[in-house]
């Protein structure tokens, strides 16, 4: 979220939670709004990452290509554990295959969401971790 967008969100919430009669800010409602936005954002990100990981496990060739892109871009950008968030953000902008994988996965999820064809019980070895997956079948 950009700084101006973040500022607009704060202004909107403060205006929405200011009592008309007294002009005071209803802090409990404002805090509730922020917590709701935070949790909703985390849940959305968590769900999206889950679907992306599911599709990567199901498509090892895609995962291999993506890992190669990440390794290449991060080594060129000298990304390490001490890199700043802005350095990492700039490196992420140079990953077109990652962008494509995320967009394609989200399109697939949206197209299968209404069918409810989730399958349970497939387990995969991902970097020496056994991961149980719930994946949606493409129709």
N, C-alpha and C. Protein backbone atom coordinates (compact mmCIF):
# COMPACT_ATOMS: atom_id res chain seq x y z
N UNK A 1 0.85 -1.17 0.00
CA UNK A 1 0.00 0.00 0.00
C UNK A 1 0.90 1.23 0.00
N UNK A 2 0.64 2.17 -0.88
CA UNK A 2 1.46 3.36 -0.96
C UNK A 2 1.17 4.26 0.24
N UNK A 3 2.09 5.21 0.47
CA UNK A 3 1.94 6.11 1.61
C UNK A 3 0.68 6.96 1.49
N UNK A 4 0.39 7.46 0.29
CA UNK A 4 -0.82 8.28 0.12
C UNK A 4 -2.08 7.43 0.29
N UNK A 5 -2.04 6.20 -0.21
CA UNK A 5 -3.18 5.31 -0.04
C UNK A 5 -3.40 4.98 1.42
N UNK A 6 -2.31 4.76 2.15
CA UNK A 6 -2.38 4.48 3.57
C UNK A 6 -2.95 5.68 4.32
N UNK A 7 -2.51 6.87 3.96
CA UNK A 7 -3.00 8.09 4.59
C UNK A 7 -4.49 8.30 4.31
N UNK A 8 -4.91 7.99 3.08
CA UNK A 8 -6.32 8.11 2.72
C UNK A 8 -7.17 7.13 3.52
N UNK A 9 -6.65 5.93 3.75
CA UNK A 9 -7.37 4.93 4.52
C UNK A 9 -7.55 5.40 5.96
N UNK A 10 -6.48 5.95 6.54
CA UNK A 10 -6.55 6.47 7.90
C UNK A 10 -7.57 7.61 7.98
N UNK A 11 -7.49 8.55 7.04
CA UNK A 11 -8.42 9.69 7.02
C UNK A 11 -9.86 9.22 6.89
N UNK A 12 -10.09 8.25 6.00
CA UNK A 12 -11.44 7.73 5.80
C UNK A 12 -11.99 7.11 7.09
N UNK A 13 -11.17 6.27 7.74
CA UNK A 13 -11.62 5.62 8.98
C UNK A 13 -11.86 6.62 10.09
N UNK A 14 -10.99 7.62 10.21
CA UNK A 14 -11.20 8.62 11.25
C UNK A 14 -12.47 9.42 10.98
N UNK A 15 -12.70 9.80 9.72
CA UNK A 15 -13.92 10.55 9.38
C UNK A 15 -15.16 9.70 9.63
N UNK A 16 -15.10 8.43 9.27
CA UNK A 16 -16.26 7.55 9.43
C UNK A 16 -16.58 7.29 10.89
N UNK A 17 -15.56 7.35 11.75
CA UNK A 17 -15.76 7.03 13.16
C UNK A 17 -15.75 8.26 14.07
N UNK A 18 -15.97 9.43 13.50
CA UNK A 18 -16.08 10.65 14.29
C UNK A 18 -17.55 10.91 14.57
N UNK A 19 -17.86 11.04 15.86
CA UNK A 19 -19.25 11.28 16.25
C UNK A 19 -19.70 12.65 15.76
N UNK A 20 -20.84 12.70 15.09
CA UNK A 20 -21.35 13.96 14.55
C UNK A 20 -21.69 14.95 15.65
N UNK A 21 -22.24 14.44 16.76
CA UNK A 21 -22.69 15.34 17.83
C UNK A 21 -21.51 16.00 18.55
N UNK A 22 -20.49 15.22 18.87
CA UNK A 22 -19.40 15.73 19.71
C UNK A 22 -18.13 16.02 18.94
N UNK A 23 -17.96 15.43 17.76
CA UNK A 23 -16.73 15.61 17.00
C UNK A 23 -15.57 14.80 17.53
N UNK A 24 -15.85 13.89 18.47
CA UNK A 24 -14.79 13.04 19.02
C UNK A 24 -14.68 11.75 18.22
N UNK A 25 -13.51 11.21 18.25
CA UNK A 25 -13.25 9.98 17.50
C UNK A 25 -13.64 8.78 18.36
N UNK A 26 -14.41 7.89 17.78
CA UNK A 26 -14.81 6.66 18.45
C UNK A 26 -13.65 5.66 18.30
N UNK A 27 -12.75 5.63 19.28
CA UNK A 27 -11.53 4.82 19.15
C UNK A 27 -11.82 3.33 19.06
N UNK A 28 -12.80 2.86 19.78
CA UNK A 28 -13.11 1.43 19.75
C UNK A 28 -13.54 1.01 18.34
N UNK A 29 -14.39 1.80 17.70
CA UNK A 29 -14.83 1.48 16.34
C UNK A 29 -13.69 1.62 15.35
N UNK A 30 -12.85 2.64 15.53
CA UNK A 30 -11.70 2.85 14.64
C UNK A 30 -10.74 1.67 14.74
N UNK A 31 -10.44 1.25 15.96
CA UNK A 31 -9.56 0.10 16.17
C UNK A 31 -10.17 -1.15 15.57
N UNK A 32 -11.46 -1.33 15.74
CA UNK A 32 -12.16 -2.48 15.17
C UNK A 32 -12.04 -2.49 13.65
N UNK A 33 -12.19 -1.33 13.01
CA UNK A 33 -12.04 -1.24 11.55
C UNK A 33 -10.64 -1.62 11.10
N UNK A 34 -9.63 -1.12 11.82
CA UNK A 34 -8.25 -1.44 11.45
C UNK A 34 -7.96 -2.93 11.63
N UNK A 35 -8.43 -3.50 12.72
CA UNK A 35 -8.22 -4.93 12.96
C UNK A 35 -8.91 -5.75 11.87
N UNK A 36 -10.13 -5.35 11.50
CA UNK A 36 -10.86 -6.06 10.45
C UNK A 36 -10.09 -6.01 9.13
N UNK A 37 -9.60 -4.82 8.75
CA UNK A 37 -8.83 -4.69 7.50
C UNK A 37 -7.55 -5.52 7.56
N UNK A 38 -6.87 -5.52 8.70
CA UNK A 38 -5.64 -6.27 8.85
C UNK A 38 -5.89 -7.77 8.70
N UNK A 39 -6.87 -8.27 9.42
CA UNK A 39 -7.19 -9.70 9.37
C UNK A 39 -7.66 -10.10 7.98
N UNK A 40 -8.51 -9.28 7.37
CA UNK A 40 -8.99 -9.60 6.02
C UNK A 40 -7.84 -9.63 5.02
N UNK A 41 -6.92 -8.69 5.15
CA UNK A 41 -5.75 -8.67 4.26
C UNK A 41 -4.88 -9.89 4.45
N UNK A 42 -4.65 -10.27 5.72
CA UNK A 42 -3.85 -11.46 5.99
C UNK A 42 -4.53 -12.72 5.49
N UNK A 43 -5.83 -12.83 5.69
CA UNK A 43 -6.56 -14.02 5.25
C UNK A 43 -6.52 -14.14 3.73
N UNK A 44 -6.67 -13.02 3.04
CA UNK A 44 -6.63 -13.03 1.58
C UNK A 44 -5.26 -13.45 1.08
N UNK A 45 -4.22 -12.88 1.68
CA UNK A 45 -2.85 -13.22 1.28
C UNK A 45 -2.56 -14.68 1.59
N UNK A 46 -2.96 -15.14 2.76
CA UNK A 46 -2.75 -16.53 3.16
C UNK A 46 -3.44 -17.49 2.18
N UNK A 47 -4.67 -17.19 1.82
CA UNK A 47 -5.42 -18.04 0.91
C UNK A 47 -4.77 -18.05 -0.48
N UNK A 48 -4.39 -16.88 -0.97
CA UNK A 48 -3.75 -16.80 -2.29
C UNK A 48 -2.44 -17.59 -2.31
N UNK A 49 -1.63 -17.44 -1.28
CA UNK A 49 -0.36 -18.18 -1.22
C UNK A 49 -0.61 -19.69 -1.15
N UNK A 50 -1.65 -20.08 -0.43
CA UNK A 50 -1.99 -21.51 -0.36
C UNK A 50 -2.33 -22.08 -1.73
N UNK A 51 -3.12 -21.34 -2.49
CA UNK A 51 -3.47 -21.81 -3.84
C UNK A 51 -2.25 -21.82 -4.75
N UNK A 52 -1.39 -20.82 -4.65
CA UNK A 52 -0.18 -20.79 -5.48
C UNK A 52 0.71 -21.97 -5.14
N UNK A 53 0.92 -22.24 -3.85
CA UNK A 53 1.75 -23.38 -3.45
C UNK A 53 1.14 -24.70 -3.91
N UNK A 54 -0.17 -24.81 -3.83
CA UNK A 54 -0.85 -26.01 -4.29
C UNK A 54 -0.57 -26.26 -5.77
N UNK A 55 -0.70 -25.21 -6.56
CA UNK A 55 -0.47 -25.35 -8.00
C UNK A 55 1.00 -25.61 -8.31
N UNK A 56 1.91 -25.03 -7.54
CA UNK A 56 3.33 -25.29 -7.77
C UNK A 56 3.68 -26.74 -7.47
N UNK A 57 3.10 -27.31 -6.42
CA UNK A 57 3.35 -28.71 -6.09
C UNK A 57 2.79 -29.61 -7.19
N UNK A 58 1.65 -29.24 -7.73
CA UNK A 58 1.03 -30.04 -8.79
C UNK A 58 1.75 -29.89 -10.14
N UNK A 59 2.56 -28.85 -10.28
CA UNK A 59 3.25 -28.57 -11.54
C UNK A 59 4.74 -28.35 -11.27
N UNK A 60 5.50 -29.42 -11.05
CA UNK A 60 6.90 -29.29 -10.67
C UNK A 60 7.76 -28.56 -11.70
N UNK A 61 7.41 -28.64 -12.98
CA UNK A 61 8.18 -27.91 -13.98
C UNK A 61 8.02 -26.40 -13.81
N UNK A 62 6.82 -25.97 -13.43
CA UNK A 62 6.57 -24.55 -13.17
C UNK A 62 7.36 -24.13 -11.93
N UNK A 63 7.34 -24.98 -10.89
CA UNK A 63 8.08 -24.66 -9.67
C UNK A 63 9.57 -24.54 -9.96
N UNK A 64 10.09 -25.44 -10.78
CA UNK A 64 11.52 -25.41 -11.12
C UNK A 64 11.88 -24.11 -11.84
N UNK A 65 11.05 -23.71 -12.80
CA UNK A 65 11.29 -22.46 -13.54
C UNK A 65 11.21 -21.26 -12.61
N UNK A 66 10.24 -21.27 -11.71
CA UNK A 66 10.07 -20.16 -10.77
C UNK A 66 11.25 -20.08 -9.80
N UNK A 67 11.69 -21.19 -9.28
CA UNK A 67 12.85 -21.20 -8.37
C UNK A 67 14.08 -20.68 -9.09
N UNK A 68 14.26 -21.06 -10.35
CA UNK A 68 15.40 -20.56 -11.13
C UNK A 68 15.32 -19.03 -11.30
N UNK A 69 14.11 -18.52 -11.57
CA UNK A 69 13.96 -17.07 -11.70
C UNK A 69 14.27 -16.36 -10.39
N UNK A 70 13.74 -16.87 -9.30
CA UNK A 70 13.99 -16.25 -7.99
C UNK A 70 15.48 -16.28 -7.67
N UNK A 71 16.13 -17.43 -7.86
CA UNK A 71 17.56 -17.53 -7.59
C UNK A 71 18.35 -16.54 -8.43
N UNK A 72 18.01 -16.45 -9.71
CA UNK A 72 18.72 -15.56 -10.63
C UNK A 72 18.55 -14.09 -10.24
N UNK A 73 17.30 -13.68 -10.05
CA UNK A 73 17.02 -12.27 -9.74
C UNK A 73 17.61 -11.89 -8.38
N UNK A 74 17.45 -12.76 -7.40
CA UNK A 74 17.95 -12.43 -6.06
C UNK A 74 19.47 -12.38 -6.02
N UNK A 75 20.14 -13.25 -6.77
CA UNK A 75 21.61 -13.20 -6.78
C UNK A 75 22.09 -11.96 -7.53
N UNK A 76 21.42 -11.59 -8.62
CA UNK A 76 21.80 -10.37 -9.35
C UNK A 76 21.59 -9.13 -8.49
N UNK A 77 20.53 -9.13 -7.68
CA UNK A 77 20.22 -7.97 -6.83
C UNK A 77 20.95 -8.04 -5.48
N UNK A 78 21.72 -9.11 -5.26
CA UNK A 78 22.46 -9.31 -4.00
C UNK A 78 21.53 -9.27 -2.79
N UNK A 79 20.38 -9.93 -2.91
CA UNK A 79 19.42 -9.98 -1.81
C UNK A 79 19.93 -10.96 -0.75
N UNK A 80 19.91 -10.51 0.50
CA UNK A 80 20.32 -11.35 1.62
C UNK A 80 19.38 -11.08 2.79
N UNK A 81 19.65 -11.73 3.90
CA UNK A 81 18.79 -11.53 5.08
C UNK A 81 18.89 -10.12 5.62
N UNK A 82 19.93 -9.38 5.25
CA UNK A 82 20.06 -8.00 5.72
C UNK A 82 19.53 -6.98 4.71
N UNK A 83 18.95 -7.45 3.60
CA UNK A 83 18.41 -6.53 2.59
C UNK A 83 17.19 -5.80 3.12
N UNK A 84 17.02 -4.57 2.68
CA UNK A 84 15.87 -3.77 3.12
C UNK A 84 14.61 -4.19 2.35
N UNK A 85 13.49 -3.79 2.90
CA UNK A 85 12.21 -4.10 2.25
C UNK A 85 12.14 -3.47 0.86
N UNK A 86 12.69 -2.29 0.69
CA UNK A 86 12.65 -1.64 -0.62
C UNK A 86 13.53 -2.37 -1.63
N UNK A 87 14.67 -2.90 -1.19
CA UNK A 87 15.53 -3.69 -2.09
C UNK A 87 14.81 -4.96 -2.53
N UNK A 88 14.15 -5.62 -1.59
CA UNK A 88 13.42 -6.84 -1.92
C UNK A 88 12.26 -6.51 -2.85
N UNK A 89 11.56 -5.40 -2.57
CA UNK A 89 10.45 -4.97 -3.43
C UNK A 89 10.90 -4.70 -4.86
N UNK A 90 12.05 -4.07 -5.00
CA UNK A 90 12.58 -3.80 -6.35
C UNK A 90 12.94 -5.11 -7.06
N UNK A 91 13.50 -6.06 -6.32
CA UNK A 91 13.84 -7.36 -6.92
C UNK A 91 12.58 -8.08 -7.37
N UNK A 92 11.52 -8.01 -6.56
CA UNK A 92 10.26 -8.68 -6.92
C UNK A 92 9.67 -8.11 -8.20
N UNK A 93 9.90 -6.84 -8.46
CA UNK A 93 9.39 -6.22 -9.69
C UNK A 93 10.05 -6.79 -10.94
N UNK A 94 11.20 -7.43 -10.76
CA UNK A 94 11.95 -8.00 -11.89
C UNK A 94 11.70 -9.50 -12.04
N UNK A 95 10.54 -9.97 -11.58
CA UNK A 95 10.21 -11.38 -11.68
C UNK A 95 8.92 -11.57 -12.45
N UNK A 96 8.99 -11.50 -13.78
CA UNK A 96 7.77 -11.63 -14.59
C UNK A 96 7.14 -13.02 -14.50
N UNK A 97 7.95 -14.05 -14.34
CA UNK A 97 7.38 -15.40 -14.26
C UNK A 97 6.60 -15.57 -12.95
N UNK A 98 7.10 -15.01 -11.85
CA UNK A 98 6.38 -15.05 -10.58
C UNK A 98 5.04 -14.34 -10.74
N UNK A 99 5.05 -13.19 -11.37
CA UNK A 99 3.81 -12.45 -11.61
C UNK A 99 2.83 -13.28 -12.42
N UNK A 100 3.32 -13.94 -13.45
CA UNK A 100 2.48 -14.78 -14.29
C UNK A 100 1.89 -15.96 -13.50
N UNK A 101 2.71 -16.61 -12.69
CA UNK A 101 2.25 -17.75 -11.89
C UNK A 101 1.12 -17.32 -10.95
N UNK A 102 1.30 -16.18 -10.29
CA UNK A 102 0.28 -15.70 -9.36
C UNK A 102 -1.01 -15.36 -10.12
N UNK A 103 -0.88 -14.64 -11.23
CA UNK A 103 -2.08 -14.25 -12.00
C UNK A 103 -2.81 -15.48 -12.55
N UNK A 104 -2.08 -16.42 -13.11
CA UNK A 104 -2.70 -17.62 -13.67
C UNK A 104 -3.38 -18.45 -12.57
N UNK A 105 -2.74 -18.56 -11.42
CA UNK A 105 -3.34 -19.32 -10.31
C UNK A 105 -4.62 -18.65 -9.85
N UNK A 106 -4.60 -17.34 -9.69
CA UNK A 106 -5.80 -16.64 -9.23
C UNK A 106 -6.93 -16.75 -10.25
N UNK A 107 -6.61 -16.72 -11.54
CA UNK A 107 -7.64 -16.91 -12.57
C UNK A 107 -8.22 -18.31 -12.49
N UNK A 108 -7.37 -19.30 -12.26
CA UNK A 108 -7.84 -20.69 -12.15
C UNK A 108 -8.72 -20.86 -10.92
N UNK A 109 -8.36 -20.23 -9.82
CA UNK A 109 -9.14 -20.34 -8.59
C UNK A 109 -10.51 -19.71 -8.78
N UNK A 110 -10.55 -18.54 -9.39
CA UNK A 110 -11.83 -17.87 -9.62
C UNK A 110 -12.72 -18.71 -10.52
N UNK A 111 -12.15 -19.32 -11.54
CA UNK A 111 -12.97 -20.10 -12.47
C UNK A 111 -13.47 -21.41 -11.87
N UNK A 112 -12.78 -21.93 -10.85
CA UNK A 112 -13.22 -23.19 -10.23
C UNK A 112 -13.94 -22.99 -8.91
N UNK A 113 -13.93 -21.77 -8.39
CA UNK A 113 -14.49 -21.51 -7.07
C UNK A 113 -15.96 -21.92 -6.98
N UNK A 114 -16.73 -21.66 -8.02
CA UNK A 114 -18.16 -21.93 -7.94
C UNK A 114 -18.50 -23.40 -8.13
N UNK A 115 -17.56 -24.21 -8.63
CA UNK A 115 -17.86 -25.61 -8.88
C UNK A 115 -17.74 -26.47 -7.63
N UNK A 116 -16.89 -26.04 -6.68
CA UNK A 116 -16.73 -26.80 -5.44
C UNK A 116 -16.12 -28.17 -5.65
N UNK A 117 -15.22 -28.31 -6.61
CA UNK A 117 -14.61 -29.61 -6.89
C UNK A 117 -13.26 -29.78 -6.19
N UNK A 118 -13.20 -29.47 -4.90
CA UNK A 118 -11.97 -29.64 -4.15
C UNK A 118 -11.68 -31.11 -3.92
N UNK A 119 -10.41 -31.49 -4.00
CA UNK A 119 -10.03 -32.87 -3.72
C UNK A 119 -9.11 -32.89 -2.51
N UNK A 120 -9.27 -33.89 -1.67
CA UNK A 120 -8.50 -34.00 -0.44
C UNK A 120 -7.60 -35.22 -0.52
N UNK A 121 -6.56 -35.19 0.29
CA UNK A 121 -5.79 -36.40 0.51
C UNK A 121 -4.55 -36.58 -0.34
N UNK A 122 -4.18 -35.63 -1.19
CA UNK A 122 -2.93 -35.80 -1.91
C UNK A 122 -1.81 -35.20 -1.06
N UNK A 123 -0.72 -35.93 -0.94
CA UNK A 123 0.41 -35.48 -0.14
C UNK A 123 1.64 -35.42 -1.02
N UNK A 124 2.43 -34.36 -0.83
CA UNK A 124 3.61 -34.15 -1.66
C UNK A 124 4.80 -33.81 -0.77
N UNK A 125 5.98 -34.18 -1.24
CA UNK A 125 7.22 -33.85 -0.55
C UNK A 125 7.72 -32.53 -1.13
N UNK A 126 7.69 -31.47 -0.31
CA UNK A 126 8.16 -30.16 -0.75
C UNK A 126 9.32 -29.76 0.15
N UNK A 127 10.52 -29.76 -0.41
CA UNK A 127 11.72 -29.40 0.34
C UNK A 127 11.82 -30.18 1.65
N UNK A 128 11.60 -31.47 1.56
CA UNK A 128 11.68 -32.41 2.68
C UNK A 128 10.56 -32.25 3.71
N UNK A 129 9.50 -31.53 3.36
CA UNK A 129 8.31 -31.44 4.20
C UNK A 129 7.18 -32.17 3.48
N UNK A 130 6.42 -32.96 4.21
CA UNK A 130 5.26 -33.63 3.62
C UNK A 130 4.08 -32.67 3.77
N UNK A 131 3.51 -32.28 2.64
CA UNK A 131 2.45 -31.28 2.63
C UNK A 131 1.17 -31.92 2.13
N UNK A 132 0.12 -31.84 2.94
CA UNK A 132 -1.20 -32.29 2.51
C UNK A 132 -1.87 -31.18 1.75
N UNK A 133 -2.46 -31.50 0.63
CA UNK A 133 -3.01 -30.46 -0.24
C UNK A 133 -4.51 -30.65 -0.44
N UNK A 134 -5.19 -29.53 -0.53
CA UNK A 134 -6.58 -29.50 -0.98
C UNK A 134 -6.54 -28.66 -2.25
N UNK A 135 -6.72 -29.29 -3.38
CA UNK A 135 -6.61 -28.59 -4.66
C UNK A 135 -7.94 -28.63 -5.40
N UNK A 136 -8.16 -27.66 -6.22
CA UNK A 136 -9.35 -27.61 -7.03
C UNK A 136 -9.02 -28.15 -8.41
N UNK A 137 -9.86 -29.03 -8.89
CA UNK A 137 -9.68 -29.62 -10.21
C UNK A 137 -10.17 -28.66 -11.27
N UNK A 138 -9.41 -28.52 -12.32
CA UNK A 138 -9.82 -27.70 -13.46
C UNK A 138 -10.84 -28.47 -14.28
N UNK A 139 -11.93 -27.85 -14.62
CA UNK A 139 -12.98 -28.52 -15.41
C UNK A 139 -12.90 -28.06 -16.85
